N, C-alpha and C. Protein backbone atom coordinates (compact mmCIF):
# COMPACT_ATOMS: atom_id res chain seq x y z
N MET A 1 -17.34 6.13 -4.94
CA MET A 1 -17.45 4.67 -5.06
C MET A 1 -16.32 4.01 -4.29
N LEU A 2 -16.67 3.01 -3.48
CA LEU A 2 -15.68 2.29 -2.70
C LEU A 2 -15.12 1.13 -3.50
N GLU A 3 -13.82 0.92 -3.36
CA GLU A 3 -13.20 -0.22 -4.03
C GLU A 3 -12.05 -0.76 -3.20
N ARG A 4 -11.46 -1.84 -3.68
CA ARG A 4 -10.34 -2.50 -3.00
C ARG A 4 -9.28 -2.80 -4.05
N ASN A 5 -8.05 -2.39 -3.76
CA ASN A 5 -6.91 -2.67 -4.63
C ASN A 5 -5.80 -3.29 -3.81
N LYS A 6 -5.19 -4.35 -4.36
CA LYS A 6 -3.97 -4.90 -3.78
C LYS A 6 -2.83 -4.42 -4.67
N ILE A 7 -1.74 -3.98 -4.05
CA ILE A 7 -0.58 -3.62 -4.84
C ILE A 7 0.63 -4.41 -4.36
N ILE A 8 1.49 -4.73 -5.30
CA ILE A 8 2.75 -5.40 -5.01
C ILE A 8 3.85 -4.45 -5.50
N LEU A 9 4.71 -4.03 -4.57
CA LEU A 9 5.80 -3.12 -4.88
C LEU A 9 7.11 -3.89 -4.91
N SER A 10 7.89 -3.69 -5.96
CA SER A 10 9.20 -4.35 -6.02
C SER A 10 10.28 -3.30 -6.23
N GLY A 11 11.51 -3.70 -5.93
CA GLY A 11 12.65 -2.80 -5.99
C GLY A 11 13.29 -2.76 -4.61
N LYS A 12 13.85 -1.63 -4.25
CA LYS A 12 14.43 -1.47 -2.91
C LYS A 12 13.31 -0.97 -2.00
N VAL A 13 12.51 -1.93 -1.49
CA VAL A 13 11.30 -1.58 -0.74
C VAL A 13 11.27 -2.18 0.67
N GLN A 14 12.24 -3.02 1.00
CA GLN A 14 12.30 -3.56 2.36
C GLN A 14 13.52 -2.97 3.06
N GLY A 15 13.39 -2.72 4.35
CA GLY A 15 14.48 -2.15 5.13
C GLY A 15 14.66 -0.66 4.92
N VAL A 16 13.63 0.00 4.37
CA VAL A 16 13.71 1.44 4.10
C VAL A 16 12.49 2.18 4.67
N PHE A 17 11.83 1.57 5.66
CA PHE A 17 10.65 2.15 6.32
C PHE A 17 9.45 2.32 5.40
N PHE A 18 9.34 1.46 4.37
CA PHE A 18 8.23 1.56 3.43
C PHE A 18 6.90 1.24 4.09
N ARG A 19 6.86 0.19 4.92
CA ARG A 19 5.60 -0.16 5.57
C ARG A 19 5.12 0.97 6.47
N LYS A 20 6.03 1.59 7.20
CA LYS A 20 5.67 2.72 8.06
C LYS A 20 5.13 3.87 7.21
N PHE A 21 5.81 4.16 6.10
CA PHE A 21 5.39 5.21 5.17
C PHE A 21 3.97 4.95 4.67
N ILE A 22 3.70 3.70 4.27
CA ILE A 22 2.38 3.34 3.76
C ILE A 22 1.33 3.48 4.86
N CYS A 23 1.62 2.97 6.05
CA CYS A 23 0.66 3.06 7.16
C CYS A 23 0.28 4.50 7.45
N GLU A 24 1.28 5.34 7.61
CA GLU A 24 1.02 6.74 7.95
C GLU A 24 0.16 7.43 6.90
N ASN A 25 0.49 7.23 5.64
CA ASN A 25 -0.25 7.88 4.56
C ASN A 25 -1.65 7.30 4.36
N ALA A 26 -1.78 5.98 4.51
CA ALA A 26 -3.10 5.35 4.38
C ALA A 26 -4.05 5.87 5.46
N VAL A 27 -3.54 6.00 6.68
CA VAL A 27 -4.37 6.50 7.79
C VAL A 27 -4.76 7.96 7.51
N LYS A 28 -3.82 8.77 7.05
CA LYS A 28 -4.12 10.17 6.73
C LYS A 28 -5.22 10.28 5.68
N LEU A 29 -5.23 9.35 4.73
CA LEU A 29 -6.22 9.37 3.65
C LEU A 29 -7.53 8.67 4.05
N GLY A 30 -7.55 8.06 5.23
CA GLY A 30 -8.77 7.37 5.69
C GLY A 30 -9.00 6.03 5.02
N LEU A 31 -7.93 5.40 4.53
CA LEU A 31 -8.06 4.10 3.87
C LEU A 31 -8.00 2.98 4.90
N LYS A 32 -8.59 1.86 4.56
CA LYS A 32 -8.56 0.65 5.37
C LYS A 32 -7.71 -0.38 4.63
N GLY A 33 -7.21 -1.39 5.38
CA GLY A 33 -6.45 -2.46 4.75
C GLY A 33 -5.23 -2.84 5.55
N TYR A 34 -4.17 -3.23 4.84
CA TYR A 34 -2.95 -3.67 5.51
C TYR A 34 -1.74 -3.51 4.59
N VAL A 35 -0.57 -3.64 5.19
CA VAL A 35 0.68 -3.67 4.43
C VAL A 35 1.58 -4.71 5.08
N LYS A 36 2.35 -5.44 4.26
CA LYS A 36 3.27 -6.44 4.80
C LYS A 36 4.42 -6.68 3.83
N ASN A 37 5.53 -7.18 4.38
CA ASN A 37 6.63 -7.64 3.56
C ASN A 37 6.29 -9.02 3.04
N THR A 38 6.81 -9.37 1.88
CA THR A 38 6.63 -10.72 1.34
C THR A 38 7.96 -11.45 1.35
N ALA A 39 7.91 -12.76 1.26
CA ALA A 39 9.13 -13.58 1.31
C ALA A 39 10.07 -13.28 0.15
N ASP A 40 9.52 -12.79 -0.97
CA ASP A 40 10.37 -12.51 -2.14
C ASP A 40 10.88 -11.06 -2.15
N ARG A 41 10.94 -10.43 -0.96
CA ARG A 41 11.52 -9.10 -0.76
C ARG A 41 10.72 -7.96 -1.38
N ASN A 42 9.44 -8.21 -1.63
CA ASN A 42 8.53 -7.17 -2.11
C ASN A 42 7.71 -6.67 -0.93
N VAL A 43 6.88 -5.68 -1.17
CA VAL A 43 5.92 -5.20 -0.19
C VAL A 43 4.54 -5.32 -0.82
N GLU A 44 3.61 -5.89 -0.06
CA GLU A 44 2.22 -6.05 -0.50
C GLU A 44 1.34 -5.14 0.36
N ALA A 45 0.43 -4.43 -0.28
CA ALA A 45 -0.51 -3.59 0.47
C ALA A 45 -1.89 -3.73 -0.13
N VAL A 46 -2.89 -3.67 0.73
CA VAL A 46 -4.29 -3.67 0.30
C VAL A 46 -4.92 -2.38 0.81
N PHE A 47 -5.58 -1.68 -0.10
CA PHE A 47 -6.26 -0.44 0.25
C PHE A 47 -7.74 -0.56 -0.08
N GLU A 48 -8.58 -0.21 0.89
CA GLU A 48 -10.01 -0.12 0.67
C GLU A 48 -10.45 1.31 0.99
N GLY A 49 -11.29 1.84 0.13
CA GLY A 49 -11.81 3.18 0.35
C GLY A 49 -12.28 3.79 -0.95
N GLU A 50 -12.36 5.12 -0.94
CA GLU A 50 -12.80 5.85 -2.12
C GLU A 50 -11.75 5.73 -3.23
N LYS A 51 -12.23 5.56 -4.44
CA LYS A 51 -11.37 5.36 -5.60
C LYS A 51 -10.29 6.43 -5.71
N GLU A 52 -10.65 7.70 -5.54
CA GLU A 52 -9.68 8.79 -5.68
C GLU A 52 -8.61 8.76 -4.59
N LYS A 53 -9.00 8.36 -3.39
CA LYS A 53 -8.02 8.28 -2.30
C LYS A 53 -7.05 7.12 -2.53
N ILE A 54 -7.55 6.02 -3.06
CA ILE A 54 -6.67 4.89 -3.39
C ILE A 54 -5.71 5.32 -4.49
N LYS A 55 -6.21 6.03 -5.48
CA LYS A 55 -5.36 6.53 -6.57
C LYS A 55 -4.25 7.42 -6.01
N SER A 56 -4.58 8.30 -5.07
CA SER A 56 -3.59 9.17 -4.43
C SER A 56 -2.56 8.35 -3.67
N MET A 57 -3.01 7.30 -2.98
CA MET A 57 -2.11 6.46 -2.21
C MET A 57 -1.15 5.72 -3.13
N ILE A 58 -1.64 5.24 -4.25
CA ILE A 58 -0.76 4.53 -5.19
C ILE A 58 0.29 5.48 -5.75
N GLU A 59 -0.08 6.73 -6.00
CA GLU A 59 0.90 7.72 -6.47
C GLU A 59 1.96 7.98 -5.41
N LEU A 60 1.56 8.04 -4.15
CA LEU A 60 2.54 8.18 -3.07
C LEU A 60 3.48 6.98 -3.03
N CYS A 61 2.93 5.78 -3.25
CA CYS A 61 3.75 4.56 -3.24
C CYS A 61 4.76 4.54 -4.38
N ARG A 62 4.44 5.15 -5.50
CA ARG A 62 5.38 5.20 -6.63
C ARG A 62 6.66 5.93 -6.22
N LYS A 63 6.52 6.92 -5.35
CA LYS A 63 7.68 7.68 -4.87
C LYS A 63 8.31 7.00 -3.66
N GLY A 64 7.47 6.62 -2.70
CA GLY A 64 7.94 5.95 -1.49
C GLY A 64 8.74 6.87 -0.59
N PRO A 65 9.26 6.32 0.50
CA PRO A 65 10.13 7.10 1.37
C PRO A 65 11.46 7.39 0.66
N GLU A 66 12.19 8.34 1.19
CA GLU A 66 13.39 8.84 0.53
C GLU A 66 14.41 7.76 0.16
N SER A 67 14.62 6.78 1.04
CA SER A 67 15.65 5.77 0.80
C SER A 67 15.17 4.58 -0.05
N ALA A 68 13.92 4.59 -0.46
CA ALA A 68 13.38 3.50 -1.28
C ALA A 68 13.60 3.77 -2.77
N LYS A 69 13.56 2.69 -3.54
CA LYS A 69 13.61 2.81 -5.01
C LYS A 69 12.61 1.81 -5.57
N VAL A 70 11.43 2.32 -5.94
CA VAL A 70 10.37 1.47 -6.48
C VAL A 70 10.65 1.22 -7.95
N GLU A 71 10.75 -0.05 -8.32
CA GLU A 71 11.00 -0.41 -9.71
C GLU A 71 9.72 -0.81 -10.44
N ASN A 72 8.76 -1.37 -9.69
CA ASN A 72 7.53 -1.82 -10.33
C ASN A 72 6.39 -1.85 -9.31
N ILE A 73 5.20 -1.52 -9.79
CA ILE A 73 3.98 -1.66 -8.98
C ILE A 73 2.97 -2.45 -9.79
N LYS A 74 2.53 -3.55 -9.19
CA LYS A 74 1.46 -4.35 -9.80
C LYS A 74 0.18 -4.03 -9.04
N ILE A 75 -0.87 -3.67 -9.75
CA ILE A 75 -2.15 -3.31 -9.13
C ILE A 75 -3.19 -4.37 -9.49
N ILE A 76 -3.83 -4.92 -8.46
CA ILE A 76 -4.82 -5.97 -8.65
C ILE A 76 -6.13 -5.51 -8.01
N LYS A 77 -7.18 -5.41 -8.80
CA LYS A 77 -8.50 -5.05 -8.27
C LYS A 77 -9.10 -6.29 -7.62
N GLU A 78 -9.66 -6.11 -6.41
CA GLU A 78 -10.24 -7.22 -5.67
C GLU A 78 -11.66 -6.85 -5.22
N LYS A 79 -12.38 -7.86 -4.75
CA LYS A 79 -13.73 -7.64 -4.22
C LYS A 79 -13.62 -6.95 -2.86
N PHE A 80 -14.43 -5.92 -2.66
CA PHE A 80 -14.45 -5.15 -1.42
C PHE A 80 -14.77 -6.08 -0.25
N GLN A 81 -14.01 -5.99 0.85
CA GLN A 81 -14.19 -6.91 1.97
C GLN A 81 -14.44 -6.22 3.31
N HIS A 82 -14.63 -4.92 3.34
CA HIS A 82 -14.95 -4.17 4.56
C HIS A 82 -13.88 -4.33 5.64
N GLU A 83 -12.65 -3.99 5.29
CA GLU A 83 -11.54 -4.01 6.25
C GLU A 83 -11.85 -3.07 7.41
N LYS A 84 -11.30 -3.37 8.57
CA LYS A 84 -11.47 -2.53 9.76
C LYS A 84 -10.11 -1.87 10.06
N GLY A 85 -9.98 -0.60 9.81
CA GLY A 85 -8.74 0.09 10.11
C GLY A 85 -7.63 -0.24 9.12
N PHE A 86 -6.45 0.31 9.39
CA PHE A 86 -5.29 -0.01 8.56
C PHE A 86 -4.21 -0.56 9.49
N ARG A 87 -3.63 -1.69 9.11
CA ARG A 87 -2.64 -2.34 9.98
C ARG A 87 -1.40 -2.77 9.22
N ARG A 88 -0.33 -2.85 9.97
CA ARG A 88 0.94 -3.33 9.43
C ARG A 88 1.13 -4.76 9.94
N LEU A 89 1.25 -5.69 9.00
CA LEU A 89 1.45 -7.11 9.35
C LEU A 89 2.95 -7.43 9.30
N ASN A 90 3.32 -8.50 9.97
CA ASN A 90 4.70 -8.99 10.08
C ASN A 90 5.64 -7.86 10.37
């Protein structure tokens, strides 16, 4: 089953190659969507794809790259929008 999840990551998530980490792993898992920094120093990502692959991606995000420290992940289910590819914004 295909679904779409938006996640908001907070903690030490900017300036630690988190967006690159998310892009590389999302592409490996075949997910579509985007990742971007937010003005409030969080990272926002949207994943579209198979439910199990999104679940795997969220687990990877809980750990993050070595220099990151994730304090909180907010997961928001959204309506599927047929994203094309995975991209890094801003």
